[in-house]
N, C-alpha and C. Protein backbone atom coordinates (compact mmCIF):
# COMPACT_ATOMS: atom_id res chain seq x y z
N MET A 1 111.80 118.53 98.36
CA MET A 1 110.05 118.57 98.11
C MET A 1 109.46 119.34 98.90
N ALA A 2 108.60 120.16 99.46
CA ALA A 2 108.12 120.63 100.26
C ALA A 2 107.13 119.62 100.50
N ARG A 3 106.37 119.43 101.91
CA ARG A 3 105.06 118.59 101.90
C ARG A 3 103.90 119.34 101.99
N GLY A 4 103.19 118.08 101.07
CA GLY A 4 102.20 118.94 100.71
C GLY A 4 102.11 118.72 99.52
N GLN A 5 103.13 118.84 98.68
CA GLN A 5 103.58 118.72 96.68
C GLN A 5 103.97 117.18 96.51
N ALA A 6 102.96 117.30 95.26
CA ALA A 6 103.62 116.44 94.53
C ALA A 6 104.93 116.27 94.36
N ALA A 7 105.80 115.09 94.72
CA ALA A 7 107.03 114.40 94.20
C ALA A 7 107.18 114.07 92.56
N GLU A 8 108.87 114.71 92.31
CA GLU A 8 108.18 114.51 90.56
C GLU A 8 109.63 112.99 90.50
N VAL A 9 109.24 112.20 89.56
CA VAL A 9 109.83 111.44 89.33
C VAL A 9 111.43 111.88 89.30
N GLY A 10 111.56 110.41 89.75
CA GLY A 10 113.34 110.14 90.52
C GLY A 10 113.17 110.98 91.58
N ALA A 11 112.22 111.74 92.28
CA ALA A 11 112.73 112.30 93.63
C ALA A 11 112.79 111.39 94.57
N VAL A 12 113.77 111.54 95.85
CA VAL A 12 114.19 110.29 96.68
C VAL A 12 114.23 111.08 98.01
N ARG A 13 113.44 109.90 98.75
CA ARG A 13 113.07 110.14 100.28
C ARG A 13 114.09 109.54 101.26
N ILE A 14 114.43 109.62 102.14
CA ILE A 14 114.91 109.21 102.90
C ILE A 14 113.52 108.57 104.34
N ALA A 15 113.10 107.41 104.62
CA ALA A 15 112.21 107.60 106.03
C ALA A 15 112.61 107.12 106.95
N LYS A 16 111.95 107.09 108.28
CA LYS A 16 112.04 107.78 109.37
C LYS A 16 112.79 106.45 109.80
N ASN A 17 112.89 104.97 109.27
CA ASN A 17 113.85 103.50 108.79
C ASN A 17 115.08 103.65 108.32
N GLY A 18 115.79 104.96 108.14
CA GLY A 18 116.67 104.72 107.08
C GLY A 18 116.69 103.99 105.67
N TYR A 19 116.05 103.66 104.96
CA TYR A 19 115.81 103.54 103.58
C TYR A 19 115.47 104.32 103.22
N HIS A 20 115.88 104.36 101.68
CA HIS A 20 115.73 105.26 100.75
C HIS A 20 114.93 105.37 99.85
N TYR A 21 113.52 105.80 99.37
CA TYR A 21 112.97 105.07 98.23
C TYR A 21 113.09 106.24 97.19
N THR A 22 112.92 106.03 96.07
CA THR A 22 112.77 107.00 94.77
C THR A 22 111.35 106.82 94.01
N LYS A 23 111.36 107.81 93.50
CA LYS A 23 109.63 107.87 92.86
C LYS A 23 109.95 107.68 91.53
N THR A 24 109.40 106.75 90.93
CA THR A 24 109.15 106.28 89.59
C THR A 24 107.73 106.44 88.92
N SER A 25 107.59 106.53 87.32
CA SER A 25 106.63 107.03 87.21
C SER A 25 105.58 106.30 86.72
N ASP A 26 106.40 104.39 86.97
CA ASP A 26 105.05 103.29 86.77
C ASP A 26 104.77 102.90 87.78
N ARG A 27 105.79 102.69 89.46
CA ARG A 27 105.25 102.41 90.31
C ARG A 27 105.55 103.06 91.39
N GLY A 28 105.28 104.49 92.01
CA GLY A 28 105.31 105.42 92.74
C GLY A 28 106.82 104.94 93.45
N TRP A 29 106.82 105.04 94.86
CA TRP A 29 107.43 105.12 95.57
C TRP A 29 108.43 103.44 95.53
N ILE A 30 110.06 103.65 95.19
CA ILE A 30 110.65 101.92 95.08
C ILE A 30 111.12 102.23 95.83
N LEU A 31 111.62 101.43 96.84
CA LEU A 31 113.23 101.37 97.71
C LEU A 31 114.82 101.24 96.72
N THR A 32 115.01 102.35 97.07
CA THR A 32 116.28 102.37 96.42
C THR A 32 116.92 101.26 95.76
N HIS A 33 117.65 100.77 96.79
CA HIS A 33 118.54 99.40 96.53
C HIS A 33 118.03 98.52 95.67
N TRP A 34 115.97 98.23 95.56
CA TRP A 34 115.82 97.66 95.09
C TRP A 34 115.92 98.37 93.38
N LEU A 35 115.92 99.16 92.75
CA LEU A 35 115.84 99.85 91.69
C LEU A 35 117.42 99.37 91.30
N THR A 36 118.27 99.93 91.71
CA THR A 36 119.64 99.79 92.31
C THR A 36 120.16 97.77 91.35
N ALA A 37 119.53 96.98 92.50
CA ALA A 37 119.66 95.84 91.88
C ALA A 37 118.80 94.84 89.89
N GLU A 38 117.99 96.45 90.19
CA GLU A 38 117.08 96.00 89.04
C GLU A 38 117.92 96.53 87.96
N THR A 39 118.50 97.30 88.43
CA THR A 39 119.92 97.98 87.08
C THR A 39 120.39 97.39 87.07
N GLN A 40 121.28 96.19 87.59
CA GLN A 40 122.35 96.01 87.91
C GLN A 40 121.89 94.54 87.11
N LEU A 41 121.17 93.86 87.00
CA LEU A 41 120.27 92.81 86.90
C LEU A 41 119.54 92.96 85.48
N GLY A 42 119.52 94.17 85.06
CA GLY A 42 118.71 94.72 83.50
C GLY A 42 117.62 94.14 83.56
N ARG A 43 116.99 94.27 84.75
CA ARG A 43 115.37 93.70 84.82
C ARG A 43 114.81 93.85 85.85
N ARG A 44 113.47 93.37 86.04
CA ARG A 44 113.16 94.05 87.22
C ARG A 44 113.14 92.56 88.53
N LEU A 45 112.62 92.98 89.44
CA LEU A 45 112.90 91.48 90.74
C LEU A 45 111.78 90.57 90.55
N LYS A 46 112.10 89.46 90.19
CA LYS A 46 110.73 88.27 90.13
C LYS A 46 110.38 88.63 92.14
N GLU A 47 109.59 87.37 91.79
CA GLU A 47 108.46 87.68 93.46
C GLU A 47 109.17 86.79 93.56
N ASP A 48 110.37 86.42 93.38
CA ASP A 48 111.02 85.06 94.76
C ASP A 48 112.04 85.60 95.01
N GLU A 49 113.01 87.06 94.63
CA GLU A 49 113.75 87.37 94.97
C GLU A 49 113.72 88.82 95.54
N ILE A 50 114.77 88.79 96.94
CA ILE A 50 115.24 89.63 97.45
C ILE A 50 116.09 90.47 97.62
N VAL A 51 116.15 91.92 97.92
CA VAL A 51 117.37 92.23 97.71
C VAL A 51 118.13 92.80 99.64
N GLN A 52 119.46 92.36 99.39
CA GLN A 52 119.93 92.36 100.85
C GLN A 52 120.94 93.31 100.34
N PHE A 53 121.29 93.74 101.90
CA PHE A 53 122.72 95.00 101.35
C PHE A 53 124.26 93.90 101.89
N VAL A 54 124.82 94.31 101.26
CA VAL A 54 125.79 93.13 100.83
C VAL A 54 126.85 93.49 102.78
N ASP A 55 126.86 94.74 103.23
CA ASP A 55 127.18 95.08 104.83
C ASP A 55 126.58 96.15 104.53
N LYS A 56 126.08 96.34 106.18
CA LYS A 56 125.34 97.48 107.00
C LYS A 56 125.85 99.05 106.77
N SER A 57 126.67 98.95 105.70
CA SER A 57 127.33 100.40 105.99
C SER A 57 127.08 101.07 104.42
N TYR A 58 126.60 100.08 103.75
CA TYR A 58 125.92 100.31 102.40
C TYR A 58 124.50 100.77 102.55
N LYS A 59 123.85 100.97 103.53
CA LYS A 59 122.68 101.00 103.46
C LYS A 59 122.56 102.36 103.41
N ALA A 60 123.55 103.70 104.14
CA ALA A 60 123.42 105.14 104.03
C ALA A 60 123.81 105.60 102.15
N ASP A 61 124.29 104.44 100.90
CA ASP A 61 124.05 104.60 99.90
C ASP A 61 123.83 103.96 99.33
N PRO A 62 122.37 103.47 99.36
CA PRO A 62 121.86 102.22 98.22
C PRO A 62 122.02 102.25 96.68
N THR A 63 122.58 103.57 96.50
CA THR A 63 122.85 103.37 94.86
C THR A 63 124.13 102.93 94.09
N ASN A 64 124.90 102.24 95.34
CA ASN A 64 126.36 101.90 95.16
C ASN A 64 126.10 99.77 94.52
N PRO A 65 126.07 100.14 93.05
CA PRO A 65 125.65 98.68 92.89
C PRO A 65 126.52 97.76 93.88
N LYS A 66 127.55 97.58 94.01
CA LYS A 66 128.57 96.70 94.37
C LYS A 66 128.05 96.46 96.05
N GLY A 67 126.97 97.30 96.96
CA GLY A 67 126.76 97.10 97.90
C GLY A 67 125.11 96.70 98.29
N VAL A 68 124.97 96.33 97.31
CA VAL A 68 123.17 94.84 96.86
C VAL A 68 123.71 94.00 95.96
N ARG A 69 123.15 92.67 96.82
CA ARG A 69 122.81 91.82 96.36
C ARG A 69 121.59 91.31 96.06
N VAL A 70 121.33 90.50 95.15
CA VAL A 70 119.64 89.78 95.36
C VAL A 70 119.89 87.83 95.32
N ILE A 71 119.10 87.77 96.18
CA ILE A 71 119.19 86.70 96.75
C ILE A 71 117.77 85.62 96.15
N LYS A 72 117.17 84.51 96.08
CA LYS A 72 116.16 83.74 96.19
C LYS A 72 115.58 83.94 97.84
N LYS A 73 114.13 84.20 97.63
CA LYS A 73 112.95 84.26 98.97
C LYS A 73 113.79 82.59 99.72
N ARG A 74 113.99 82.57 101.05
CA ARG A 74 113.72 80.39 101.22
C ARG A 74 112.57 80.66 101.02
N GLN A 75 112.35 79.06 101.14
CA GLN A 75 111.59 78.31 100.37
C GLN A 75 110.62 78.38 101.81
N THR A 76 110.76 78.41 103.11
CA THR A 76 110.37 78.28 104.46
C THR A 76 109.37 79.52 104.10
N ALA A 77 109.45 80.78 104.11
CA ALA A 77 108.90 81.84 103.79
C ALA A 77 107.80 81.65 103.02
N LEU A 78 107.97 80.96 102.08
CA LEU A 78 106.71 80.90 100.93
C LEU A 78 105.64 79.77 101.40
N ARG A 79 106.15 78.55 101.85
CA ARG A 79 105.37 77.97 102.61
C ARG A 79 104.28 77.94 103.99
N ALA A 80 105.29 79.41 104.91
CA ALA A 80 104.32 80.26 105.57
C ALA A 80 103.31 80.73 104.67
N ARG A 81 103.64 81.66 104.40
CA ARG A 81 102.60 82.44 103.49
C ARG A 81 101.60 81.21 103.07
N LYS A 82 102.23 80.37 102.26
CA LYS A 82 100.93 79.32 101.61
C LYS A 82 99.71 79.00 102.90
N ALA A 83 100.75 78.52 103.90
CA ALA A 83 99.85 78.25 104.84
C ALA A 83 99.00 78.77 105.64
N THR A 84 99.24 80.45 105.35
CA THR A 84 98.69 81.42 105.69
C THR A 84 97.29 81.59 104.53
N LEU A 85 97.44 81.42 103.54
CA LEU A 85 96.53 81.57 102.29
C LEU A 85 95.53 80.85 102.57
N GLU A 86 96.10 79.75 102.60
CA GLU A 86 95.02 78.13 103.04
C GLU A 86 94.05 78.30 104.26
N ASP A 87 94.80 78.48 105.38
CA ASP A 87 93.73 79.13 106.20
C ASP A 87 92.92 80.51 106.19
N ARG A 88 93.27 81.54 105.12
CA ARG A 88 92.47 82.56 104.90
C ARG A 88 91.16 82.07 104.24
N ILE A 89 91.82 81.26 103.19
CA ILE A 89 90.49 80.47 102.37
C ILE A 89 89.65 79.46 102.99
N ALA A 90 90.31 79.06 104.03
CA ALA A 90 88.88 78.01 105.00
C ALA A 90 88.25 79.43 105.71
N GLN A 91 88.03 79.95 106.16
CA GLN A 91 87.79 80.77 106.39
C GLN A 91 86.74 81.26 105.61
N LEU A 92 87.37 81.70 104.67
CA LEU A 92 86.53 82.77 103.92
C LEU A 92 84.97 81.48 103.56
N GLN A 93 85.85 80.51 102.94
CA GLN A 93 84.87 79.42 102.94
C GLN A 93 83.52 78.86 103.28
N ALA A 94 84.52 79.06 105.18
CA ALA A 94 83.01 78.74 105.91
C ALA A 94 82.44 80.00 106.27
N GLU A 95 82.56 81.04 106.31
CA GLU A 95 82.04 82.32 106.34
C GLU A 95 80.75 82.67 104.84
N LEU A 96 81.22 82.08 104.01
CA LEU A 96 80.61 82.26 102.87
C LEU A 96 79.75 80.90 102.95
N ALA A 97 80.23 79.72 103.82
CA ALA A 97 78.85 78.64 103.50
C ALA A 97 77.71 79.85 104.58
N GLU A 98 78.31 79.89 105.43
CA GLU A 98 77.14 80.44 106.78
C GLU A 98 76.38 81.61 106.22
N VAL A 99 76.76 82.59 105.38
CA VAL A 99 76.14 83.48 104.18
C VAL A 99 74.58 82.84 103.65
N ASN A 100 75.67 81.71 102.60
CA ASN A 100 74.25 80.97 101.86
C ASN A 100 73.09 80.17 102.62
N THR A 101 73.63 80.12 103.69
CA THR A 101 72.38 79.24 104.72
C THR A 101 71.42 80.03 105.10
N LEU A 102 72.05 81.13 105.72
CA LEU A 102 71.14 82.59 106.44
C LEU A 102 70.40 82.81 104.68
N LEU A 103 70.93 82.85 103.57
CA LEU A 103 69.93 83.23 102.08
C LEU A 103 68.90 82.48 102.59
N ARG A 104 69.61 81.24 102.58
CA ARG A 104 68.40 80.16 102.61
C ARG A 104 66.87 80.37 103.27
N LEU A 105 67.45 80.26 104.33
CA LEU A 105 66.40 80.14 105.32
C LEU A 105 65.85 81.67 105.06
N LYS A 106 66.18 82.76 104.45
CA LYS A 106 66.01 84.31 104.86
C LYS A 106 64.43 83.73 103.79
N ASP A 107 64.74 82.70 102.05
CA ASP A 107 64.02 82.87 101.14
C ASP A 107 63.00 81.92 101.17
N GLU A 108 63.10 80.85 102.46
CA GLU A 108 61.99 80.17 102.62
C GLU A 108 60.60 80.86 103.27
């Protein structure tokens, strides 16, 4: 694929970090090992699932179904994300309250 041209569905590119990406018609560029895992499962990955390489050597061939496995995300990661989201919500609510106060002062 030449630089500046649109890639066709099914095209594969390799990022600088060595990960393979495959162009899909509905989701754009997806990690190839994710697509391999989804083919194995017969469904898309759920939000609480991640794909791991069984062995580092399989990273070179992400289409090998024996080289990937699907595992559940750890709950600690979800708890950390929840805490981050709650903090962002609190910051946004405080900012909204400040804007509402300024609007009230301006309307007076």
